[in-house]
Amino acid sequence: MTTIQLTIPDVSDEQAEILIAMLDEMGFSGFEQRESQLIGYVEEGSYQPEATQQILNEQQLSFTISRVESINWNAEIGRAHV
C-alpha cells in the first residue's frame, strides 16, 4: 500500500489547526507538526489532488507531495532475528 505525504512549509499554528480539520474531512488520517511545517498522510486511493490543491491555493500556501511505500515492520523484524 502506498501513502501520500503532503508537506506544507511556513504554516502558523492557527493555519495548521484549520488545515488539519479540512484535510481530515478529505481522508487524511495522520498529521505531524514540526516547527512551522505541517505534514499530512493519506492513502493513495483516497487522495484528492485537485481538492487538496484548491484548499492550499485558497490559503496561499505552497506544498510538496511524495509517495511513501508502506513497510511490513513485523516481517522486517522477523528477518533481523533469523
PDB file of N, CA and C in Angstrom:
ATOM      1  N   MET A   1       0.845  -1.174   0.000  1.00  0.00           N
ATOM      2  CA  MET A   1       0.000   0.000   0.000  1.00  0.00           C
ATOM      3  C   MET A   1       0.893   1.241   0.000  1.00  0.00           C
ATOM      4  N   THR A   2       0.506   2.216  -0.773  1.00  0.00           N
ATOM      5  CA  THR A   2       1.263   3.451  -0.866  1.00  0.00           C
ATOM      6  C   THR A   2       0.509   4.566  -0.162  1.00  0.00           C
ATOM      7  N   THR A   3       1.266   5.376   0.555  1.00  0.00           N
ATOM      8  CA  THR A   3       0.712   6.524   1.267  1.00  0.00           C
ATOM      9  C   THR A   3       1.251   7.795   0.631  1.00  0.00           C
ATOM     10  N   ILE A   4       0.405   8.797   0.545  1.00  0.00           N
ATOM     11  CA  ILE A   4       0.808  10.109   0.051  1.00  0.00           C
ATOM     12  C   ILE A   4       1.192  10.962   1.248  1.00  0.00           C
ATOM     13  N   GLN A   5       2.348  11.593   1.170  1.00  0.00           N
ATOM     14  CA  GLN A   5       2.802  12.525   2.215  1.00  0.00           C
ATOM     15  C   GLN A   5       2.704  13.937   1.650  1.00  0.00           C
ATOM     16  N   LEU A   6       1.935  14.774   2.318  1.00  0.00           N
ATOM     17  CA  LEU A   6       1.752  16.176   1.942  1.00  0.00           C
ATOM     18  C   LEU A   6       2.537  17.025   2.930  1.00  0.00           C
ATOM     19  N   THR A   7       3.480  17.816   2.443  1.00  0.00           N
ATOM     20  CA  THR A   7       4.295  18.670   3.308  1.00  0.00           C
ATOM     21  C   THR A   7       4.006  20.122   2.970  1.00  0.00           C
ATOM     22  N   ILE A   8       3.617  20.879   4.002  1.00  0.00           N
ATOM     23  CA  ILE A   8       3.276  22.289   3.832  1.00  0.00           C
ATOM     24  C   ILE A   8       4.221  23.104   4.720  1.00  0.00           C
ATOM     25  N   PRO A   9       5.135  23.855   4.109  1.00  0.00           N
ATOM     26  CA  PRO A   9       6.062  24.667   4.914  1.00  0.00           C
ATOM     27  C   PRO A   9       5.423  26.000   5.310  1.00  0.00           C
ATOM     28  N   ASP A  10       6.039  26.665   6.267  1.00  0.00           N
ATOM     29  CA  ASP A  10       5.643  28.020   6.672  1.00  0.00           C
ATOM     30  C   ASP A  10       4.173  28.114   7.069  1.00  0.00           C
ATOM     31  N   VAL A  11       3.758  27.266   8.009  1.00  0.00           N
ATOM     32  CA  VAL A  11       2.374  27.230   8.476  1.00  0.00           C
ATOM     33  C   VAL A  11       2.336  27.697   9.925  1.00  0.00           C
ATOM     34  N   SER A  12       1.448  28.636  10.219  1.00  0.00           N
ATOM     35  CA  SER A  12       1.266  29.073  11.602  1.00  0.00           C
ATOM     36  C   SER A  12       0.438  28.025  12.345  1.00  0.00           C
ATOM     37  N   ASP A  13       0.430  28.091  13.663  1.00  0.00           N
ATOM     38  CA  ASP A  13      -0.367  27.151  14.460  1.00  0.00           C
ATOM     39  C   ASP A  13      -1.846  27.264  14.115  1.00  0.00           C
ATOM     40  N   GLU A  14      -2.328  28.487  13.918  1.00  0.00           N
ATOM     41  CA  GLU A  14      -3.734  28.689  13.564  1.00  0.00           C
ATOM     42  C   GLU A  14      -4.049  28.075  12.204  1.00  0.00           C
ATOM     43  N   GLN A  15      -3.185  28.298  11.222  1.00  0.00           N
ATOM     44  CA  GLN A  15      -3.390  27.706   9.901  1.00  0.00           C
ATOM     45  C   GLN A  15      -3.367  26.189   9.986  1.00  0.00           C
ATOM     46  N   ALA A  16      -2.459  25.641  10.781  1.00  0.00           N
ATOM     47  CA  ALA A  16      -2.343  24.190  10.911  1.00  0.00           C
ATOM     48  C   ALA A  16      -3.638  23.597  11.461  1.00  0.00           C
ATOM     49  N   GLU A  17      -4.229  24.224  12.454  1.00  0.00           N
ATOM     50  CA  GLU A  17      -5.482  23.718  13.025  1.00  0.00           C
ATOM     51  C   GLU A  17      -6.584  23.673  11.978  1.00  0.00           C
ATOM     52  N   ILE A  18      -6.700  24.748  11.196  1.00  0.00           N
ATOM     53  CA  ILE A  18      -7.718  24.809  10.146  1.00  0.00           C
ATOM     54  C   ILE A  18      -7.451  23.756   9.077  1.00  0.00           C
ATOM     55  N   LEU A  19      -6.196  23.657   8.644  1.00  0.00           N
ATOM     56  CA  LEU A  19      -5.844  22.689   7.602  1.00  0.00           C
ATOM     57  C   LEU A  19      -6.057  21.255   8.051  1.00  0.00           C
ATOM     58  N   ILE A  20      -5.723  20.955   9.291  1.00  0.00           N
ATOM     59  CA  ILE A  20      -5.931  19.595   9.798  1.00  0.00           C
ATOM     60  C   ILE A  20      -7.407  19.231   9.731  1.00  0.00           C
ATOM     61  N   ALA A  21      -8.273  20.147  10.124  1.00  0.00           N
ATOM     62  CA  ALA A  21      -9.717  19.885  10.070  1.00  0.00           C
ATOM     63  C   ALA A  21     -10.181  19.667   8.633  1.00  0.00           C
ATOM     64  N   MET A  22      -9.722  20.500   7.720  1.00  0.00           N
ATOM     65  CA  MET A  22     -10.131  20.396   6.323  1.00  0.00           C
ATOM     66  C   MET A  22      -9.590  19.130   5.664  1.00  0.00           C
ATOM     67  N   LEU A  23      -8.317  18.833   5.898  1.00  0.00           N
ATOM     68  CA  LEU A  23      -7.706  17.660   5.295  1.00  0.00           C
ATOM     69  C   LEU A  23      -8.259  16.364   5.890  1.00  0.00           C
ATOM     70  N   ASP A  24      -8.590  16.395   7.164  1.00  0.00           N
ATOM     71  CA  ASP A  24      -9.186  15.227   7.814  1.00  0.00           C
ATOM     72  C   ASP A  24     -10.493  14.842   7.118  1.00  0.00           C
ATOM     73  N   GLU A  25     -11.276  15.835   6.738  1.00  0.00           N
ATOM     74  CA  GLU A  25     -12.532  15.579   6.033  1.00  0.00           C
ATOM     75  C   GLU A  25     -12.293  14.966   4.655  1.00  0.00           C
ATOM     76  N   MET A  26     -11.092  15.137   4.117  1.00  0.00           N
ATOM     77  CA  MET A  26     -10.752  14.604   2.800  1.00  0.00           C
ATOM     78  C   MET A  26     -10.047  13.250   2.883  1.00  0.00           C
ATOM     79  N   GLY A  27      -9.972  12.662   4.068  1.00  0.00           N
ATOM     80  CA  GLY A  27      -9.400  11.326   4.191  1.00  0.00           C
ATOM     81  C   GLY A  27      -7.993  11.256   4.751  1.00  0.00           C
ATOM     82  N   PHE A  28      -7.365  12.414   4.991  1.00  0.00           N
ATOM     83  CA  PHE A  28      -6.044  12.385   5.621  1.00  0.00           C
ATOM     84  C   PHE A  28      -6.212  11.851   7.038  1.00  0.00           C
ATOM     85  N   SER A  29      -5.314  10.963   7.455  1.00  0.00           N
ATOM     86  CA  SER A  29      -5.519  10.305   8.748  1.00  0.00           C
ATOM     87  C   SER A  29      -4.378  10.486   9.734  1.00  0.00           C
ATOM     88  N   GLY A  30      -3.307  11.084   9.330  1.00  0.00           N
ATOM     89  CA  GLY A  30      -2.200  11.303  10.252  1.00  0.00           C
ATOM     90  C   GLY A  30      -1.547  12.635   9.967  1.00  0.00           C
ATOM     91  N   PHE A  31      -1.162  13.324  11.024  1.00  0.00           N
ATOM     92  CA  PHE A  31      -0.546  14.643  10.870  1.00  0.00           C
ATOM     93  C   PHE A  31       0.636  14.781  11.813  1.00  0.00           C
ATOM     94  N   GLU A  32       1.637  15.520  11.364  1.00  0.00           N
ATOM     95  CA  GLU A  32       2.786  15.883  12.196  1.00  0.00           C
ATOM     96  C   GLU A  32       2.983  17.385  12.073  1.00  0.00           C
ATOM     97  N   GLN A  33       3.272  18.026  13.190  1.00  0.00           N
ATOM     98  CA  GLN A  33       3.627  19.434  13.162  1.00  0.00           C
ATOM     99  C   GLN A  33       5.062  19.548  13.636  1.00  0.00           C
ATOM    100  N   ARG A  34       5.896  20.157  12.795  1.00  0.00           N
ATOM    101  CA  ARG A  34       7.311  20.359  13.119  1.00  0.00           C
ATOM    102  C   ARG A  34       7.623  21.829  12.913  1.00  0.00           C
ATOM    103  N   GLU A  35       7.969  22.502  13.981  1.00  0.00           N
ATOM    104  CA  GLU A  35       8.262  23.932  13.937  1.00  0.00           C
ATOM    105  C   GLU A  35       7.177  24.633  13.121  1.00  0.00           C
ATOM    106  N   SER A  36       7.479  25.154  11.947  1.00  0.00           N
ATOM    107  CA  SER A  36       6.467  25.852  11.148  1.00  0.00           C
ATOM    108  C   SER A  36       6.047  25.029   9.935  1.00  0.00           C
ATOM    109  N   GLN A  37       6.008  23.715  10.087  1.00  0.00           N
ATOM    110  CA  GLN A  37       5.706  22.819   8.977  1.00  0.00           C
ATOM    111  C   GLN A  37       4.591  21.856   9.384  1.00  0.00           C
ATOM    112  N   LEU A  38       3.689  21.595   8.454  1.00  0.00           N
ATOM    113  CA  LEU A  38       2.630  20.613   8.675  1.00  0.00           C
ATOM    114  C   LEU A  38       2.811  19.487   7.659  1.00  0.00           C
ATOM    115  N   ILE A  39       2.760  18.246   8.147  1.00  0.00           N
ATOM    116  CA  ILE A  39       2.881  17.069   7.290  1.00  0.00           C
ATOM    117  C   ILE A  39       1.629  16.227   7.501  1.00  0.00           C
ATOM    118  N   GLY A  40       0.978  15.879   6.399  1.00  0.00           N
ATOM    119  CA  GLY A  40      -0.221  15.056   6.466  1.00  0.00           C
ATOM    120  C   GLY A  40      -0.065  13.810   5.624  1.00  0.00           C
ATOM    121  N   TYR A  41      -0.778  12.748   6.005  1.00  0.00           N
ATOM    122  CA  TYR A  41      -0.682  11.462   5.315  1.00  0.00           C
ATOM    123  C   TYR A  41      -2.071  10.973   4.929  1.00  0.00           C
ATOM    124  N   VAL A  42      -2.165  10.405   3.719  1.00  0.00           N
ATOM    125  CA  VAL A  42      -3.427   9.845   3.234  1.00  0.00           C
ATOM    126  C   VAL A  42      -3.098   8.662   2.333  1.00  0.00           C
ATOM    127  N   GLU A  43      -3.958   7.641   2.360  1.00  0.00           N
ATOM    128  CA  GLU A  43      -3.760   6.507   1.456  1.00  0.00           C
ATOM    129  C   GLU A  43      -3.915   6.994   0.025  1.00  0.00           C
ATOM    130  N   GLU A  44      -3.080   6.467  -0.858  1.00  0.00           N
ATOM    131  CA  GLU A  44      -3.067   6.933  -2.244  1.00  0.00           C
ATOM    132  C   GLU A  44      -4.453   6.847  -2.894  1.00  0.00           C
ATOM    133  N   GLY A  45      -5.202   5.810  -2.607  1.00  0.00           N
ATOM    134  CA  GLY A  45      -6.533   5.647  -3.195  1.00  0.00           C
ATOM    135  C   GLY A  45      -7.543   6.679  -2.731  1.00  0.00           C
ATOM    136  N   SER A  46      -7.293   7.308  -1.604  1.00  0.00           N
ATOM    137  CA  SER A  46      -8.200   8.326  -1.061  1.00  0.00           C
ATOM    138  C   SER A  46      -7.760   9.746  -1.378  1.00  0.00           C
ATOM    139  N   TYR A  47      -6.579   9.883  -1.942  1.00  0.00           N
ATOM    140  CA  TYR A  47      -6.014  11.209  -2.200  1.00  0.00           C
ATOM    141  C   TYR A  47      -6.794  11.926  -3.299  1.00  0.00           C
ATOM    142  N   GLN A  48      -7.157  13.185  -3.035  1.00  0.00           N
ATOM    143  CA  GLN A  48      -7.896  14.023  -3.974  1.00  0.00           C
ATOM    144  C   GLN A  48      -7.009  15.215  -4.359  1.00  0.00           C
ATOM    145  N   PRO A  49      -6.172  15.069  -5.378  1.00  0.00           N
ATOM    146  CA  PRO A  49      -5.183  16.108  -5.685  1.00  0.00           C
ATOM    147  C   PRO A  49      -5.787  17.472  -6.011  1.00  0.00           C
ATOM    148  N   GLU A  50      -6.881  17.501  -6.786  1.00  0.00           N
ATOM    149  CA  GLU A  50      -7.464  18.789  -7.162  1.00  0.00           C
ATOM    150  C   GLU A  50      -8.032  19.512  -5.942  1.00  0.00           C
ATOM    151  N   ALA A  51      -8.751  18.794  -5.101  1.00  0.00           N
ATOM    152  CA  ALA A  51      -9.348  19.404  -3.914  1.00  0.00           C
ATOM    153  C   ALA A  51      -8.268  19.868  -2.934  1.00  0.00           C
ATOM    154  N   THR A  52      -7.207  19.073  -2.801  1.00  0.00           N
ATOM    155  CA  THR A  52      -6.098  19.452  -1.922  1.00  0.00           C
ATOM    156  C   THR A  52      -5.433  20.722  -2.427  1.00  0.00           C
ATOM    157  N   GLN A  53      -5.176  20.782  -3.722  1.00  0.00           N
ATOM    158  CA  GLN A  53      -4.541  21.963  -4.302  1.00  0.00           C
ATOM    159  C   GLN A  53      -5.433  23.193  -4.144  1.00  0.00           C
ATOM    160  N   GLN A  54      -6.726  23.042  -4.315  1.00  0.00           N
ATOM    161  CA  GLN A  54      -7.648  24.169  -4.181  1.00  0.00           C
ATOM    162  C   GLN A  54      -7.615  24.731  -2.758  1.00  0.00           C
ATOM    163  N   ILE A  55      -7.656  23.860  -1.763  1.00  0.00           N
ATOM    164  CA  ILE A  55      -7.621  24.305  -0.362  1.00  0.00           C
ATOM    165  C   ILE A  55      -6.334  25.066  -0.080  1.00  0.00           C
ATOM    166  N   LEU A  56      -5.212  24.529  -0.515  1.00  0.00           N
ATOM    167  CA  LEU A  56      -3.928  25.163  -0.223  1.00  0.00           C
ATOM    168  C   LEU A  56      -3.724  26.445  -1.022  1.00  0.00           C
ATOM    169  N   ASN A  57      -4.248  26.484  -2.245  1.00  0.00           N
ATOM    170  CA  ASN A  57      -4.175  27.720  -3.020  1.00  0.00           C
ATOM    171  C   ASN A  57      -5.011  28.820  -2.368  1.00  0.00           C
ATOM    172  N   GLU A  58      -6.181  28.465  -1.845  1.00  0.00           N
ATOM    173  CA  GLU A  58      -7.028  29.440  -1.157  1.00  0.00           C
ATOM    174  C   GLU A  58      -6.331  30.018   0.069  1.00  0.00           C
ATOM    175  N   GLN A  59      -5.510  29.204   0.717  1.00  0.00           N
ATOM    176  CA  GLN A  59      -4.760  29.648   1.891  1.00  0.00           C
ATOM    177  C   GLN A  59      -3.433  30.301   1.499  1.00  0.00           C
ATOM    178  N   GLN A  60      -3.145  30.329   0.201  1.00  0.00           N
ATOM    179  CA  GLN A  60      -1.900  30.868  -0.347  1.00  0.00           C
ATOM    180  C   GLN A  60      -0.671  30.178   0.248  1.00  0.00           C
ATOM    181  N   LEU A  61      -0.750  28.837   0.267  1.00  0.00           N
ATOM    182  CA  LEU A  61       0.333  28.026   0.824  1.00  0.00           C
ATOM    183  C   LEU A  61       0.932  27.137  -0.261  1.00  0.00           C
ATOM    184  N   SER A  62       2.238  26.975  -0.201  1.00  0.00           N
ATOM    185  CA  SER A  62       2.907  26.036  -1.100  1.00  0.00           C
ATOM    186  C   SER A  62       2.913  24.661  -0.431  1.00  0.00           C
ATOM    187  N   PHE A  63       3.189  23.634  -1.222  1.00  0.00           N
ATOM    188  CA  PHE A  63       3.225  22.278  -0.669  1.00  0.00           C
ATOM    189  C   PHE A  63       4.007  21.370  -1.590  1.00  0.00           C
ATOM    190  N   THR A  64       4.435  20.243  -1.054  1.00  0.00           N
ATOM    191  CA  THR A  64       5.059  19.189  -1.849  1.00  0.00           C
ATOM    192  C   THR A  64       4.352  17.878  -1.542  1.00  0.00           C
ATOM    193  N   ILE A  65       4.360  17.008  -2.525  1.00  0.00           N
ATOM    194  CA  ILE A  65       3.742  15.693  -2.411  1.00  0.00           C
ATOM    195  C   ILE A  65       4.822  14.650  -2.654  1.00  0.00           C
ATOM    196  N   SER A  66       4.825  13.603  -1.838  1.00  0.00           N
ATOM    197  CA  SER A  66       5.714  12.473  -2.104  1.00  0.00           C
ATOM    198  C   SER A  66       4.983  11.181  -1.761  1.00  0.00           C
ATOM    199  N   ARG A  67       5.424  10.104  -2.368  1.00  0.00           N
ATOM    200  CA  ARG A  67       4.828   8.789  -2.105  1.00  0.00           C
ATOM    201  C   ARG A  67       5.725   8.039  -1.123  1.00  0.00           C
ATOM    202  N   VAL A  68       5.082   7.409  -0.159  1.00  0.00           N
ATOM    203  CA  VAL A  68       5.796   6.647   0.859  1.00  0.00           C
ATOM    204  C   VAL A  68       5.291   5.210   0.790  1.00  0.00           C
ATOM    205  N   GLU A  69       6.189   4.297   0.470  1.00  0.00           N
ATOM    206  CA  GLU A  69       5.817   2.886   0.420  1.00  0.00           C
ATOM    207  C   GLU A  69       5.691   2.350   1.846  1.00  0.00           C
ATOM    208  N   SER A  70       4.628   1.613   2.103  1.00  0.00           N
ATOM    209  CA  SER A  70       4.434   1.015   3.420  1.00  0.00           C
ATOM    210  C   SER A  70       5.403  -0.133   3.617  1.00  0.00           C
ATOM    211  N   ILE A  71       5.844  -0.292   4.840  1.00  0.00           N
ATOM    212  CA  ILE A  71       6.772  -1.364   5.196  1.00  0.00           C
ATOM    213  C   ILE A  71       6.091  -2.268   6.203  1.00  0.00           C
ATOM    214  N   ASN A  72       6.154  -3.562   5.987  1.00  0.00           N
ATOM    215  CA  ASN A  72       5.641  -4.527   6.943  1.00  0.00           C
ATOM    216  C   ASN A  72       6.724  -4.711   8.005  1.00  0.00           C
ATOM    217  N   TRP A  73       6.594  -3.969   9.100  1.00  0.00           N
ATOM    218  CA  TRP A  73       7.638  -3.977  10.130  1.00  0.00           C
ATOM    219  C   TRP A  73       7.742  -5.333  10.827  1.00  0.00           C
ATOM    220  N   ASN A  74       6.668  -6.061  10.916  1.00  0.00           N
ATOM    221  CA  ASN A  74       6.727  -7.393  11.542  1.00  0.00           C
ATOM    222  C   ASN A  74       7.629  -8.316  10.713  1.00  0.00           C
ATOM    223  N   ALA A  75       7.504  -8.266   9.407  1.00  0.00           N
ATOM    224  CA  ALA A  75       8.351  -9.088   8.538  1.00  0.00           C
ATOM    225  C   ALA A  75       9.805  -8.629   8.617  1.00  0.00           C
ATOM    226  N   GLU A  76      10.024  -7.331   8.658  1.00  0.00           N
ATOM    227  CA  GLU A  76      11.392  -6.811   8.737  1.00  0.00           C
ATOM    228  C   GLU A  76      12.065  -7.222  10.050  1.00  0.00           C
ATOM    229  N   ILE A  77      11.334  -7.141  11.147  1.00  0.00           N
ATOM    230  CA  ILE A  77      11.891  -7.530  12.454  1.00  0.00           C
ATOM    231  C   ILE A  77      12.168  -9.025  12.467  1.00  0.00           C
ATOM    232  N   GLY A  78      11.260  -9.830  11.857  1.00  0.00           N
ATOM    233  CA  GLY A  78      11.476 -11.271  11.791  1.00  0.00           C
ATOM    234  C   GLY A  78      12.743 -11.632  11.031  1.00  0.00           C
ATOM    235  N   ARG A  79      13.035 -10.904   9.966  1.00  0.00           N
ATOM    236  CA  ARG A  79      14.249 -11.160   9.183  1.00  0.00           C
ATOM    237  C   ARG A  79      15.504 -10.804   9.987  1.00  0.00           C
ATOM    238  N   ALA A  80      15.403  -9.796  10.799  1.00  0.00           N
ATOM    239  CA  ALA A  80      16.564  -9.354  11.583  1.00  0.00           C
ATOM    240  C   ALA A  80      16.931 -10.373  12.660  1.00  0.00           C
ATOM    241  N   HIS A  81      15.977 -11.186  13.071  1.00  0.00           N
ATOM    242  CA  HIS A  81      16.223 -12.145  14.149  1.00  0.00           C
ATOM    243  C   HIS A  81      16.512 -13.558  13.634  1.00  0.00           C
ATOM    244  N   VAL A  82      16.654 -13.713  12.334  1.00  0.00           N
ATOM    245  CA  VAL A  82      16.917 -15.046  11.759  1.00  0.00           C
ATOM    246  C   VAL A  82      18.394 -15.303  11.706  1.00  0.00           C
TER     247      VAL A  82
END
